[in-house]
Each structure stands twice: as structure tokens, then as C-alpha cells.
Amino acid sequence: MTSAIQSKACFRHANPYQEVVAEYARIAGRYDRKWSFYIEATMQETIARLPLGEEDRLLDVGCGTGALLYRLATVHPPTRLVGVDPVPAMLKIARRKLPSDIALHEGWAEQLPFADAQFDLVVSCSMFHYVARPLDALIEMRRVLRPGGQLVLTDWCGDYLMCRLFERYQRLRAHAHARTYRTHECARMLKESGYAAVQIETYKINWLWGLMTARGTHVQA
């Protein structure tokens, strides 16, 4: 069943990776302004659910213009922060706003440019609905977590009718969009990717946006 989900997400477009880079290269310069409310709300909800410890090493997958990393550097300075994103135009903006000690890398969620067991936390905020191969991405994020480390993933939630309707609209106009998942689909993919203690919370940030934050722990076999 999950393999069918992955196939559907992966093959809607001939080259979803080029679509993502092209779409976000076009809007990079105005992204923070255009989506200011959404960015602020999702950051607050995600940070509230992060189990941050002293001097944890945290990877932000799909860091975009660096908004979440900037906030984390402000509210929890002991955390060692790293970001990765596939869009050079977004990373260029992130590098301008972030402190020089926050390392930024170009790369995809399905093929992270890091060695095994490098991070205490992997976080992803509003990125997962663009991932062409969600199972591969989840496995890869688990690979870079140390044993006992946690994934915290915030994204649109297909349990909400308005999100499902907005997804249909996005499919017509934004070719980079892969798929919005329901909570039971997300939970199943996390478990099949090897995460334990999977928990998913759902909530709304306004009348349109219904989100979920999923958490899973990397338990060494």
C-alpha cells in the first residue's frame, strides 16, 4: 500500500526535482513576504514540539530561506544547527540572514549529504508534500539520526477538507507539488521506514490550513 503511495507521489511529473528547483527559484526573493503568516505559524507550532536538549545537533531538511534556523538560533542558541535544501536561490537568501556558524548544504531529502548518525534531531517544516519519494526520504532522515534521535515533521494534513481542496488547486498550478498525506498514511510510512514511538498531532492555524506534526524515534535494530 505504501509503495503505491510512493509511486503516485513520484511519477505525477516527468522530473519533479527540476520542477521544485524551478518553482522556488522563481519565488525565492518574495517567499518570506508572501508566506509570512504561514511561516510564522508553522515555526511556532514546530518549535513547540521540538524536544531540544543542551547542545543537540539539529538538521533542518528543506530549510528554504532559513526562517526556522534563524528562529532556533535566537530562542535556543546552544543548539548546533545545520540546514539542507535543493534550491540554490533559497540557500542564497538563507546565507545572507543566518550566522556564519550555521552550515548550509545543497541536497535532496532522498539523498542527504551527511554521514550516518550525525544528528540528535531532524526537523522538516512544510517540505514533505514536495517530496517525490517519501519513503526514501524518511529512511534517509533516519539514517543521519543517531540512535535515540528524533524526527519532527510538520506538514499539511490531508485529514482536513480545506487542505485536500487546496491540494487539488496546487496540482493544477504548481507542478512541483507531490502529495498531501493523511495522518494514517504518514504514520504507516514512518513505521515502515523504521521509526518507533510514532506520534502525530493535528491542528489548525486558521480556517484554511490544517497541519500535522509527526514524531518518530530512531531505535537501532
N, C-alpha and C. Protein backbone atom coordinates (compact mmCIF):
# COMPACT_ATOMS: atom_id res chain seq x y z
N MET A 1 0.83 -1.21 0.00
CA MET A 1 0.00 0.00 0.00
C MET A 1 0.87 1.26 0.00
N THR A 2 1.90 1.28 0.88
CA THR A 2 2.76 2.45 0.95
C THR A 2 3.56 2.61 -0.32
N SER A 3 4.00 1.50 -0.94
CA SER A 3 4.74 1.61 -2.19
C SER A 3 3.90 2.27 -3.26
N ALA A 4 2.59 2.02 -3.23
CA ALA A 4 1.69 2.69 -4.17
C ALA A 4 1.64 4.19 -3.91
N ILE A 5 1.65 4.58 -2.63
CA ILE A 5 1.70 6.00 -2.27
C ILE A 5 2.96 6.62 -2.85
N GLN A 6 4.09 5.94 -2.67
CA GLN A 6 5.34 6.48 -3.16
C GLN A 6 5.33 6.60 -4.67
N SER A 7 4.81 5.61 -5.37
CA SER A 7 4.77 5.66 -6.82
C SER A 7 3.91 6.82 -7.30
N LYS A 8 2.78 7.02 -6.64
CA LYS A 8 1.88 8.10 -7.04
C LYS A 8 2.54 9.45 -6.85
N ALA A 9 3.27 9.59 -5.74
CA ALA A 9 3.95 10.86 -5.48
C ALA A 9 5.09 11.08 -6.47
N CYS A 10 5.77 10.01 -6.82
CA CYS A 10 6.98 10.14 -7.62
C CYS A 10 6.70 10.39 -9.09
N PHE A 11 5.69 9.79 -9.65
CA PHE A 11 5.55 9.77 -11.10
C PHE A 11 4.47 10.69 -11.64
N ARG A 12 3.97 11.61 -10.84
CA ARG A 12 2.99 12.54 -11.38
C ARG A 12 3.62 13.44 -12.44
N HIS A 13 4.89 13.78 -12.29
CA HIS A 13 5.58 14.65 -13.23
C HIS A 13 6.83 13.96 -13.73
N ALA A 14 7.22 14.28 -14.96
CA ALA A 14 8.36 13.61 -15.56
C ALA A 14 9.64 13.84 -14.76
N ASN A 15 9.85 15.07 -14.28
CA ASN A 15 11.02 15.36 -13.48
C ASN A 15 10.64 16.28 -12.32
N PRO A 16 10.15 15.70 -11.22
CA PRO A 16 9.69 16.54 -10.10
C PRO A 16 10.81 17.35 -9.48
N TYR A 17 12.05 16.90 -9.58
CA TYR A 17 13.16 17.63 -8.98
C TYR A 17 13.40 18.95 -9.71
N GLN A 18 13.39 18.91 -11.01
CA GLN A 18 13.53 20.15 -11.77
C GLN A 18 12.38 21.10 -11.50
N GLU A 19 11.18 20.55 -11.32
CA GLU A 19 10.00 21.38 -11.04
C GLU A 19 10.16 22.13 -9.72
N VAL A 20 10.66 21.44 -8.70
CA VAL A 20 10.85 22.07 -7.39
C VAL A 20 11.86 23.22 -7.49
N VAL A 21 13.00 22.95 -8.11
CA VAL A 21 14.03 23.99 -8.22
C VAL A 21 13.52 25.18 -9.02
N ALA A 22 12.83 24.90 -10.13
CA ALA A 22 12.34 25.99 -10.97
C ALA A 22 11.29 26.83 -10.25
N GLU A 23 10.35 26.16 -9.56
CA GLU A 23 9.29 26.90 -8.89
C GLU A 23 9.84 27.81 -7.79
N TYR A 24 10.75 27.28 -6.98
CA TYR A 24 11.24 28.07 -5.86
C TYR A 24 12.33 29.06 -6.27
N ALA A 25 12.99 28.82 -7.38
CA ALA A 25 13.89 29.85 -7.91
C ALA A 25 13.09 31.08 -8.33
N ARG A 26 11.88 30.86 -8.84
CA ARG A 26 11.04 31.98 -9.27
C ARG A 26 10.55 32.82 -8.10
N ILE A 27 10.25 32.19 -6.97
CA ILE A 27 9.62 32.93 -5.88
C ILE A 27 10.55 33.20 -4.69
N ALA A 28 11.81 32.79 -4.80
CA ALA A 28 12.73 32.90 -3.65
C ALA A 28 12.79 34.31 -3.08
N GLY A 29 12.87 35.30 -3.95
CA GLY A 29 13.04 36.67 -3.49
C GLY A 29 11.85 37.22 -2.73
N ARG A 30 10.67 36.70 -2.97
CA ARG A 30 9.47 37.20 -2.29
C ARG A 30 8.84 36.15 -1.36
N TYR A 31 9.50 35.04 -1.19
CA TYR A 31 8.92 33.93 -0.43
C TYR A 31 8.59 34.33 1.01
N ASP A 32 9.53 34.93 1.71
CA ASP A 32 9.31 35.28 3.12
C ASP A 32 8.16 36.26 3.29
N ARG A 33 8.04 37.21 2.37
CA ARG A 33 6.95 38.19 2.46
C ARG A 33 5.60 37.54 2.10
N LYS A 34 5.58 36.78 1.04
CA LYS A 34 4.33 36.20 0.55
C LYS A 34 3.72 35.25 1.56
N TRP A 35 4.55 34.48 2.24
CA TRP A 35 4.05 33.44 3.14
C TRP A 35 4.34 33.76 4.60
N SER A 36 4.40 35.03 4.96
CA SER A 36 4.85 35.42 6.31
C SER A 36 3.98 34.83 7.41
N PHE A 37 2.65 34.89 7.27
CA PHE A 37 1.79 34.34 8.31
C PHE A 37 1.99 32.83 8.44
N TYR A 38 1.99 32.15 7.32
CA TYR A 38 2.13 30.70 7.34
C TYR A 38 3.48 30.28 7.93
N ILE A 39 4.54 30.95 7.53
CA ILE A 39 5.87 30.63 8.04
C ILE A 39 5.92 30.81 9.55
N GLU A 40 5.42 31.93 10.03
CA GLU A 40 5.45 32.22 11.47
C GLU A 40 4.64 31.18 12.25
N ALA A 41 3.45 30.87 11.76
CA ALA A 41 2.59 29.92 12.47
C ALA A 41 3.19 28.52 12.50
N THR A 42 3.70 28.06 11.38
CA THR A 42 4.27 26.71 11.34
C THR A 42 5.55 26.61 12.16
N MET A 43 6.34 27.69 12.17
CA MET A 43 7.54 27.70 13.01
C MET A 43 7.18 27.56 14.49
N GLN A 44 6.21 28.35 14.93
CA GLN A 44 5.81 28.30 16.33
C GLN A 44 5.33 26.91 16.72
N GLU A 45 4.49 26.32 15.89
CA GLU A 45 3.95 25.00 16.20
C GLU A 45 5.05 23.95 16.20
N THR A 46 5.99 24.05 15.27
CA THR A 46 7.06 23.06 15.18
C THR A 46 8.02 23.19 16.36
N ILE A 47 8.44 24.40 16.67
CA ILE A 47 9.39 24.60 17.77
C ILE A 47 8.78 24.16 19.09
N ALA A 48 7.47 24.38 19.26
CA ALA A 48 6.81 23.96 20.50
C ALA A 48 6.86 22.45 20.69
N ARG A 49 7.07 21.71 19.61
CA ARG A 49 7.07 20.25 19.68
C ARG A 49 8.47 19.65 19.56
N LEU A 50 9.50 20.50 19.52
CA LEU A 50 10.86 20.01 19.41
C LEU A 50 11.43 19.67 20.79
N PRO A 51 11.89 18.44 20.98
CA PRO A 51 12.49 18.07 22.27
C PRO A 51 13.96 18.49 22.34
N LEU A 52 14.20 19.80 22.38
CA LEU A 52 15.56 20.32 22.31
C LEU A 52 16.31 20.09 23.61
N GLY A 53 17.50 19.55 23.48
CA GLY A 53 18.38 19.38 24.63
C GLY A 53 19.59 20.28 24.51
N GLU A 54 20.38 20.35 25.56
CA GLU A 54 21.57 21.19 25.55
C GLU A 54 22.55 20.68 24.50
N GLU A 55 22.94 21.58 23.60
CA GLU A 55 23.94 21.32 22.58
C GLU A 55 23.57 20.16 21.66
N ASP A 56 22.29 19.95 21.44
CA ASP A 56 21.86 19.00 20.42
C ASP A 56 22.33 19.47 19.06
N ARG A 57 22.55 18.53 18.17
CA ARG A 57 22.86 18.86 16.77
C ARG A 57 21.59 18.62 15.96
N LEU A 58 21.11 19.66 15.29
CA LEU A 58 19.82 19.62 14.60
C LEU A 58 20.00 19.88 13.11
N LEU A 59 19.34 19.05 12.30
CA LEU A 59 19.33 19.23 10.86
C LEU A 59 17.93 19.64 10.41
N ASP A 60 17.86 20.74 9.66
CA ASP A 60 16.61 21.20 9.07
C ASP A 60 16.60 20.79 7.59
N VAL A 61 15.74 19.83 7.25
CA VAL A 61 15.66 19.32 5.88
C VAL A 61 14.61 20.12 5.12
N GLY A 62 15.04 20.75 4.03
CA GLY A 62 14.16 21.67 3.32
C GLY A 62 14.14 23.01 4.02
N CYS A 63 15.32 23.51 4.38
CA CYS A 63 15.42 24.72 5.22
C CYS A 63 15.00 25.99 4.49
N GLY A 64 14.93 25.94 3.16
CA GLY A 64 14.47 27.11 2.41
C GLY A 64 15.31 28.34 2.66
N THR A 65 14.66 29.45 3.00
CA THR A 65 15.36 30.71 3.24
C THR A 65 15.91 30.82 4.66
N GLY A 66 15.81 29.76 5.44
CA GLY A 66 16.44 29.73 6.75
C GLY A 66 15.62 30.30 7.89
N ALA A 67 14.31 30.45 7.69
CA ALA A 67 13.48 31.08 8.73
C ALA A 67 13.49 30.29 10.03
N LEU A 68 13.31 28.97 9.94
CA LEU A 68 13.29 28.15 11.16
C LEU A 68 14.65 28.14 11.83
N LEU A 69 15.71 28.02 11.06
CA LEU A 69 17.05 28.02 11.64
C LEU A 69 17.36 29.35 12.33
N TYR A 70 16.92 30.45 11.73
CA TYR A 70 17.14 31.76 12.33
C TYR A 70 16.43 31.86 13.68
N ARG A 71 15.18 31.38 13.72
CA ARG A 71 14.42 31.43 14.97
C ARG A 71 15.05 30.54 16.03
N LEU A 72 15.47 29.34 15.63
CA LEU A 72 16.09 28.43 16.60
C LEU A 72 17.40 29.00 17.14
N ALA A 73 18.17 29.66 16.30
CA ALA A 73 19.42 30.27 16.75
C ALA A 73 19.16 31.36 17.78
N THR A 74 17.97 31.98 17.69
CA THR A 74 17.60 33.05 18.61
C THR A 74 17.06 32.50 19.92
N VAL A 75 16.16 31.52 19.85
CA VAL A 75 15.47 31.05 21.05
C VAL A 75 16.22 29.93 21.76
N HIS A 76 17.13 29.25 21.06
CA HIS A 76 17.85 28.14 21.68
C HIS A 76 19.29 28.11 21.16
N PRO A 77 20.09 29.11 21.53
CA PRO A 77 21.43 29.25 20.96
C PRO A 77 22.39 28.08 21.21
N PRO A 78 22.22 27.26 22.28
CA PRO A 78 23.16 26.14 22.41
C PRO A 78 23.06 25.08 21.31
N THR A 79 21.91 25.04 20.62
CA THR A 79 21.72 24.03 19.59
C THR A 79 22.67 24.27 18.42
N ARG A 80 23.30 23.21 17.96
CA ARG A 80 24.17 23.28 16.78
C ARG A 80 23.31 23.00 15.56
N LEU A 81 23.24 23.96 14.66
CA LEU A 81 22.25 23.94 13.58
C LEU A 81 22.90 23.72 12.22
N VAL A 82 22.22 22.90 11.40
CA VAL A 82 22.65 22.62 10.04
C VAL A 82 21.39 22.62 9.17
N GLY A 83 21.49 23.16 7.95
CA GLY A 83 20.36 23.15 7.03
C GLY A 83 20.73 22.54 5.69
N VAL A 84 19.73 21.97 5.03
CA VAL A 84 19.92 21.43 3.69
C VAL A 84 18.69 21.75 2.86
N ASP A 85 18.90 22.14 1.60
CA ASP A 85 17.79 22.48 0.71
C ASP A 85 18.27 22.26 -0.73
N PRO A 86 17.36 21.87 -1.63
CA PRO A 86 17.78 21.61 -3.01
C PRO A 86 17.82 22.84 -3.92
N VAL A 87 17.37 23.99 -3.42
CA VAL A 87 17.20 25.15 -4.30
C VAL A 87 18.27 26.20 -4.00
N PRO A 88 19.23 26.38 -4.90
CA PRO A 88 20.31 27.35 -4.65
C PRO A 88 19.82 28.76 -4.36
N ALA A 89 18.74 29.19 -5.02
CA ALA A 89 18.23 30.55 -4.80
C ALA A 89 17.72 30.74 -3.38
N MET A 90 17.12 29.72 -2.80
CA MET A 90 16.65 29.80 -1.42
C MET A 90 17.84 29.79 -0.46
N LEU A 91 18.83 28.97 -0.72
CA LEU A 91 20.01 28.91 0.14
C LEU A 91 20.79 30.22 0.11
N LYS A 92 20.79 30.89 -1.02
CA LYS A 92 21.48 32.18 -1.11
C LYS A 92 20.88 33.19 -0.13
N ILE A 93 19.56 33.20 -0.05
CA ILE A 93 18.88 34.10 0.90
C ILE A 93 19.17 33.67 2.33
N ALA A 94 19.13 32.36 2.58
CA ALA A 94 19.41 31.85 3.93
C ALA A 94 20.81 32.25 4.38
N ARG A 95 21.78 32.18 3.50
CA ARG A 95 23.16 32.51 3.88
C ARG A 95 23.30 33.98 4.25
N ARG A 96 22.47 34.82 3.65
CA ARG A 96 22.54 36.26 3.97
C ARG A 96 21.97 36.55 5.35
N LYS A 97 20.99 35.78 5.79
CA LYS A 97 20.31 36.10 7.05
C LYS A 97 20.86 35.34 8.26
N LEU A 98 21.54 34.21 8.02
CA LEU A 98 21.93 33.34 9.13
C LEU A 98 23.37 33.61 9.58
N PRO A 99 23.66 33.34 10.86
CA PRO A 99 25.04 33.43 11.34
C PRO A 99 25.94 32.46 10.58
N SER A 100 27.20 32.82 10.48
CA SER A 100 28.15 32.03 9.68
C SER A 100 28.42 30.65 10.26
N ASP A 101 28.12 30.43 11.54
CA ASP A 101 28.39 29.12 12.13
C ASP A 101 27.28 28.11 11.84
N ILE A 102 26.22 28.51 11.15
CA ILE A 102 25.17 27.58 10.73
C ILE A 102 25.53 27.08 9.33
N ALA A 103 25.86 25.81 9.23
CA ALA A 103 26.28 25.24 7.95
C ALA A 103 25.07 24.96 7.08
N LEU A 104 25.16 25.35 5.82
CA LEU A 104 24.08 25.12 4.86
C LEU A 104 24.61 24.30 3.69
N HIS A 105 23.82 23.32 3.26
CA HIS A 105 24.23 22.41 2.20
C HIS A 105 23.13 22.31 1.16
N GLU A 106 23.53 22.07 -0.07
CA GLU A 106 22.57 21.81 -1.14
C GLU A 106 22.35 20.31 -1.24
N GLY A 107 21.09 19.88 -1.25
CA GLY A 107 20.82 18.46 -1.36
C GLY A 107 19.34 18.16 -1.21
N TRP A 108 18.98 16.94 -1.56
CA TRP A 108 17.60 16.47 -1.52
C TRP A 108 17.36 15.60 -0.31
N ALA A 109 16.12 15.56 0.15
CA ALA A 109 15.78 14.74 1.31
C ALA A 109 16.05 13.27 1.06
N GLU A 110 15.94 12.84 -0.19
CA GLU A 110 16.15 11.42 -0.51
C GLU A 110 17.62 11.04 -0.59
N GLN A 111 18.51 12.02 -0.57
CA GLN A 111 19.94 11.73 -0.65
C GLN A 111 20.70 12.82 0.11
N LEU A 112 20.69 12.72 1.42
CA LEU A 112 21.28 13.76 2.26
C LEU A 112 22.80 13.67 2.25
N PRO A 113 23.49 14.80 2.17
CA PRO A 113 24.96 14.81 2.06
C PRO A 113 25.66 14.74 3.41
N PHE A 114 25.28 13.75 4.23
CA PHE A 114 25.85 13.61 5.57
C PHE A 114 26.13 12.14 5.87
N ALA A 115 27.10 11.92 6.74
CA ALA A 115 27.40 10.56 7.19
C ALA A 115 26.31 10.06 8.13
N ASP A 116 26.34 8.79 8.43
CA ASP A 116 25.35 8.19 9.32
C ASP A 116 25.45 8.78 10.73
N ALA A 117 24.31 8.81 11.43
CA ALA A 117 24.24 9.11 12.86
C ALA A 117 24.91 10.43 13.24
N GLN A 118 24.61 11.48 12.50
CA GLN A 118 25.24 12.79 12.73
C GLN A 118 24.40 13.74 13.58
N PHE A 119 23.11 13.45 13.74
CA PHE A 119 22.22 14.46 14.34
C PHE A 119 21.36 13.87 15.46
N ASP A 120 21.09 14.72 16.45
CA ASP A 120 20.18 14.35 17.54
C ASP A 120 18.72 14.58 17.13
N LEU A 121 18.50 15.57 16.27
CA LEU A 121 17.16 15.91 15.80
C LEU A 121 17.21 16.19 14.30
N VAL A 122 16.23 15.67 13.60
CA VAL A 122 16.00 16.06 12.21
C VAL A 122 14.60 16.66 12.16
N VAL A 123 14.50 17.87 11.63
CA VAL A 123 13.22 18.55 11.56
C VAL A 123 12.93 18.91 10.11
N SER A 124 11.67 18.85 9.75
CA SER A 124 11.24 19.24 8.41
C SER A 124 9.92 19.98 8.55
N CYS A 125 9.88 21.19 8.01
CA CYS A 125 8.71 22.05 8.18
C CYS A 125 8.17 22.46 6.81
N SER A 126 7.00 21.96 6.47
CA SER A 126 6.31 22.32 5.22
C SER A 126 7.09 21.92 3.97
N MET A 127 7.80 20.83 4.04
CA MET A 127 8.58 20.34 2.91
C MET A 127 8.04 19.04 2.35
N PHE A 128 7.40 18.22 3.19
CA PHE A 128 7.16 16.82 2.83
C PHE A 128 6.21 16.67 1.65
N HIS A 129 5.30 17.62 1.45
CA HIS A 129 4.38 17.48 0.32
C HIS A 129 5.05 17.75 -1.02
N TYR A 130 6.33 18.12 -1.01
CA TYR A 130 7.09 18.26 -2.25
C TYR A 130 8.00 17.06 -2.53
N VAL A 131 8.05 16.12 -1.63
CA VAL A 131 8.99 15.01 -1.77
C VAL A 131 8.44 13.97 -2.75
N ALA A 132 9.23 13.68 -3.78
CA ALA A 132 8.78 12.74 -4.81
C ALA A 132 8.81 11.29 -4.33
N ARG A 133 9.77 10.97 -3.45
CA ARG A 133 9.89 9.59 -2.95
C ARG A 133 9.87 9.63 -1.42
N PRO A 134 8.69 9.69 -0.82
CA PRO A 134 8.59 9.92 0.63
C PRO A 134 9.22 8.83 1.48
N LEU A 135 9.07 7.57 1.10
CA LEU A 135 9.69 6.51 1.89
C LEU A 135 11.21 6.64 1.88
N ASP A 136 11.78 6.89 0.71
CA ASP A 136 13.23 7.05 0.62
C ASP A 136 13.69 8.22 1.48
N ALA A 137 12.93 9.30 1.50
CA ALA A 137 13.30 10.47 2.30
C ALA A 137 13.26 10.14 3.79
N LEU A 138 12.22 9.46 4.23
CA LEU A 138 12.11 9.11 5.65
C LEU A 138 13.24 8.17 6.08
N ILE A 139 13.58 7.21 5.24
CA ILE A 139 14.69 6.29 5.54
C ILE A 139 16.00 7.05 5.61
N GLU A 140 16.18 7.98 4.70
CA GLU A 140 17.42 8.77 4.67
C GLU A 140 17.52 9.67 5.90
N MET A 141 16.42 10.27 6.32
CA MET A 141 16.45 11.10 7.52
C MET A 141 16.73 10.26 8.76
N ARG A 142 16.23 9.04 8.79
CA ARG A 142 16.55 8.15 9.91
C ARG A 142 18.03 7.76 9.89
N ARG A 143 18.58 7.59 8.70
CA ARG A 143 19.99 7.22 8.58
C ARG A 143 20.91 8.23 9.25
N VAL A 144 20.61 9.52 9.11
CA VAL A 144 21.51 10.54 9.66
C VAL A 144 21.22 10.84 11.12
N LEU A 145 20.17 10.25 11.69
CA LEU A 145 19.89 10.40 13.12
C LEU A 145 20.75 9.42 13.92
N ARG A 146 21.21 9.87 15.05
CA ARG A 146 21.87 8.95 15.97
C ARG A 146 20.81 8.05 16.60
N PRO A 147 21.18 6.86 17.10
CA PRO A 147 20.21 6.03 17.82
C PRO A 147 19.60 6.80 18.99
N GLY A 148 18.30 6.81 19.07
CA GLY A 148 17.60 7.59 20.08
C GLY A 148 17.21 8.98 19.62
N GLY A 149 17.73 9.38 18.47
CA GLY A 149 17.39 10.69 17.93
C GLY A 149 15.97 10.70 17.37
N GLN A 150 15.43 11.91 17.20
CA GLN A 150 14.03 12.04 16.78
C GLN A 150 13.88 12.84 15.50
N LEU A 151 12.90 12.41 14.71
CA LEU A 151 12.42 13.17 13.56
C LEU A 151 11.17 13.92 13.98
N VAL A 152 11.11 15.21 13.65
CA VAL A 152 9.92 16.02 13.87
C VAL A 152 9.54 16.64 12.53
N LEU A 153 8.39 16.25 12.01
CA LEU A 153 7.98 16.62 10.65
C LEU A 153 6.63 17.32 10.69
N THR A 154 6.60 18.58 10.29
CA THR A 154 5.36 19.34 10.20
C THR A 154 4.99 19.55 8.74
N ASP A 155 3.73 19.29 8.42
CA ASP A 155 3.32 19.48 7.03
C ASP A 155 1.80 19.61 6.96
N TRP A 156 1.31 19.89 5.74
CA TRP A 156 -0.12 19.93 5.52
C TRP A 156 -0.74 18.59 5.91
N CYS A 157 -1.98 18.63 6.34
CA CYS A 157 -2.66 17.41 6.77
C CYS A 157 -3.88 17.16 5.90
N GLY A 158 -3.87 16.05 5.20
CA GLY A 158 -4.97 15.69 4.33
C GLY A 158 -6.23 15.27 5.05
N ASP A 159 -6.19 15.18 6.38
CA ASP A 159 -7.41 14.89 7.14
C ASP A 159 -8.41 16.04 7.05
N TYR A 160 -7.91 17.24 6.76
CA TYR A 160 -8.76 18.43 6.71
C TYR A 160 -9.25 18.67 5.28
N LEU A 161 -10.55 18.88 5.15
CA LEU A 161 -11.17 19.06 3.83
C LEU A 161 -10.54 20.22 3.07
N MET A 162 -10.31 21.35 3.72
CA MET A 162 -9.78 22.51 3.02
C MET A 162 -8.38 22.25 2.48
N CYS A 163 -7.60 21.47 3.20
CA CYS A 163 -6.26 21.12 2.69
C CYS A 163 -6.37 20.22 1.47
N ARG A 164 -7.32 19.32 1.47
CA ARG A 164 -7.50 18.45 0.30
C ARG A 164 -7.94 19.26 -0.91
N LEU A 165 -8.83 20.23 -0.69
CA LEU A 165 -9.27 21.07 -1.79
C LEU A 165 -8.13 21.96 -2.30
N PHE A 166 -7.36 22.50 -1.37
CA PHE A 166 -6.23 23.34 -1.78
C PHE A 166 -5.18 22.52 -2.51
N GLU A 167 -5.03 21.26 -2.12
CA GLU A 167 -4.09 20.39 -2.82
C GLU A 167 -4.50 20.22 -4.29
N ARG A 168 -5.78 20.05 -4.54
CA ARG A 168 -6.25 19.92 -5.93
C ARG A 168 -5.91 21.17 -6.74
N TYR A 169 -6.10 22.31 -6.10
CA TYR A 169 -5.74 23.57 -6.75
C TYR A 169 -4.24 23.63 -7.04
N GLN A 170 -3.44 23.22 -6.06
CA GLN A 170 -1.99 23.24 -6.22
C GLN A 170 -1.54 22.33 -7.35
N ARG A 171 -2.20 21.20 -7.48
CA ARG A 171 -1.80 20.28 -8.54
C ARG A 171 -1.99 20.89 -9.93
N LEU A 172 -2.95 21.78 -10.05
CA LEU A 172 -3.21 22.42 -11.33
C LEU A 172 -2.21 23.52 -11.65
N ARG A 173 -1.73 24.21 -10.62
CA ARG A 173 -0.89 25.38 -10.86
C ARG A 173 0.57 25.19 -10.46
N ALA A 174 0.85 24.30 -9.53
CA ALA A 174 2.22 24.13 -9.02
C ALA A 174 2.68 22.71 -9.30
N HIS A 175 3.40 22.53 -10.37
CA HIS A 175 3.77 21.19 -10.79
C HIS A 175 4.74 20.51 -9.83
N ALA A 176 5.40 21.28 -8.98
CA ALA A 176 6.34 20.69 -8.03
C ALA A 176 5.64 19.95 -6.90
N HIS A 177 4.37 20.28 -6.67
CA HIS A 177 3.64 19.67 -5.57
C HIS A 177 3.49 18.17 -5.81
N ALA A 178 3.87 17.36 -4.82
CA ALA A 178 3.79 15.90 -4.96
C ALA A 178 2.48 15.38 -4.38
N ARG A 179 2.35 15.44 -3.03
CA ARG A 179 1.13 14.92 -2.43
C ARG A 179 1.01 15.35 -0.98
N THR A 180 -0.23 15.59 -0.56
CA THR A 180 -0.54 15.83 0.85
C THR A 180 -1.06 14.52 1.44
N TYR A 181 -0.58 14.18 2.64
CA TYR A 181 -0.91 12.89 3.23
C TYR A 181 -1.87 13.03 4.40
N ARG A 182 -2.63 11.99 4.62
CA ARG A 182 -3.46 11.90 5.81
C ARG A 182 -2.64 11.30 6.95
N THR A 183 -3.16 11.45 8.16
CA THR A 183 -2.37 11.02 9.32
C THR A 183 -2.08 9.53 9.29
N HIS A 184 -3.05 8.71 8.89
CA HIS A 184 -2.81 7.27 8.90
C HIS A 184 -1.77 6.87 7.85
N GLU A 185 -1.71 7.62 6.73
CA GLU A 185 -0.70 7.35 5.72
C GLU A 185 0.69 7.73 6.23
N CYS A 186 0.77 8.88 6.87
CA CYS A 186 2.05 9.34 7.41
C CYS A 186 2.55 8.38 8.49
N ALA A 187 1.66 7.97 9.39
CA ALA A 187 2.05 7.04 10.46
C ALA A 187 2.56 5.73 9.88
N ARG A 188 1.88 5.23 8.85
CA ARG A 188 2.28 3.96 8.25
C ARG A 188 3.66 4.08 7.60
N MET A 189 3.90 5.19 6.90
CA MET A 189 5.20 5.37 6.26
C MET A 189 6.32 5.50 7.29
N LEU A 190 6.06 6.20 8.38
CA LEU A 190 7.08 6.33 9.43
C LEU A 190 7.43 4.97 10.01
N LYS A 191 6.43 4.17 10.29
CA LYS A 191 6.68 2.85 10.87
C LYS A 191 7.40 1.94 9.87
N GLU A 192 7.01 1.99 8.60
CA GLU A 192 7.66 1.16 7.59
C GLU A 192 9.09 1.63 7.32
N SER A 193 9.39 2.88 7.65
CA SER A 193 10.75 3.40 7.48
C SER A 193 11.64 3.12 8.67
N GLY A 194 11.09 2.47 9.69
CA GLY A 194 11.90 2.05 10.83
C GLY A 194 11.82 2.92 12.06
N TYR A 195 10.91 3.89 12.10
CA TYR A 195 10.77 4.74 13.28
C TYR A 195 9.90 4.05 14.33
N ALA A 196 10.24 4.32 15.58
CA ALA A 196 9.45 3.81 16.71
C ALA A 196 8.81 4.98 17.43
N ALA A 197 7.90 4.65 18.36
CA ALA A 197 7.21 5.65 19.18
C ALA A 197 6.62 6.76 18.31
N VAL A 198 5.95 6.38 17.23
CA VAL A 198 5.39 7.35 16.29
C VAL A 198 4.17 8.04 16.91
N GLN A 199 4.18 9.36 16.86
CA GLN A 199 3.06 10.17 17.35
C GLN A 199 2.74 11.24 16.32
N ILE A 200 1.46 11.51 16.12
CA ILE A 200 1.04 12.55 15.18
C ILE A 200 -0.02 13.42 15.84
N GLU A 201 0.22 14.72 15.83
CA GLU A 201 -0.75 15.70 16.32
C GLU A 201 -1.31 16.48 15.13
N THR A 202 -2.60 16.75 15.16
CA THR A 202 -3.22 17.58 14.12
C THR A 202 -3.77 18.85 14.77
N TYR A 203 -3.78 19.94 13.98
CA TYR A 203 -4.25 21.22 14.50
C TYR A 203 -4.45 22.17 13.32
N LYS A 204 -5.18 23.25 13.55
CA LYS A 204 -5.40 24.26 12.53
C LYS A 204 -4.74 25.57 12.96
N ILE A 205 -4.16 26.28 11.98
CA ILE A 205 -3.57 27.57 12.28
C ILE A 205 -4.47 28.72 11.80
N ASN A 206 -5.43 28.41 10.95
CA ASN A 206 -6.51 29.34 10.58
C ASN A 206 -7.60 28.53 9.89
N TRP A 207 -8.54 29.21 9.25
CA TRP A 207 -9.67 28.48 8.65
C TRP A 207 -9.25 27.58 7.50
N LEU A 208 -8.11 27.89 6.86
CA LEU A 208 -7.67 27.10 5.71
C LEU A 208 -6.69 26.02 6.08
N TRP A 209 -5.66 26.39 6.82
CA TRP A 209 -4.53 25.49 6.99
C TRP A 209 -4.73 24.53 8.15
N GLY A 210 -4.84 23.26 7.83
CA GLY A 210 -4.82 22.21 8.83
C GLY A 210 -3.50 21.47 8.70
N LEU A 211 -2.77 21.39 9.79
CA LEU A 211 -1.43 20.81 9.78
C LEU A 211 -1.35 19.58 10.66
N MET A 212 -0.25 18.85 10.48
CA MET A 212 0.08 17.78 11.41
C MET A 212 1.57 17.85 11.71
N THR A 213 1.92 17.50 12.92
CA THR A 213 3.31 17.32 13.29
C THR A 213 3.49 15.87 13.70
N ALA A 214 4.36 15.18 12.96
CA ALA A 214 4.64 13.77 13.22
C ALA A 214 6.00 13.65 13.89
N ARG A 215 6.08 12.75 14.85
CA ARG A 215 7.34 12.50 15.53
C ARG A 215 7.63 11.00 15.55
N GLY A 216 8.88 10.67 15.35
CA GLY A 216 9.31 9.29 15.40
C GLY A 216 10.74 9.20 15.90
N THR A 217 11.07 8.11 16.54
CA THR A 217 12.39 7.92 17.15
C THR A 217 13.17 6.85 16.39
N HIS A 218 14.45 7.12 16.17
CA HIS A 218 15.33 6.14 15.54
C HIS A 218 15.84 5.18 16.61
N VAL A 219 15.34 3.97 16.58
CA VAL A 219 15.77 2.94 17.51
C VAL A 219 16.65 1.95 16.73
N GLN A 220 17.87 1.79 17.20
CA GLN A 220 18.80 0.91 16.50
C GLN A 220 18.36 -0.54 16.61
N ALA A 221 18.36 -1.23 15.49
CA ALA A 221 17.92 -2.64 15.48
C ALA A 221 18.93 -3.52 16.18
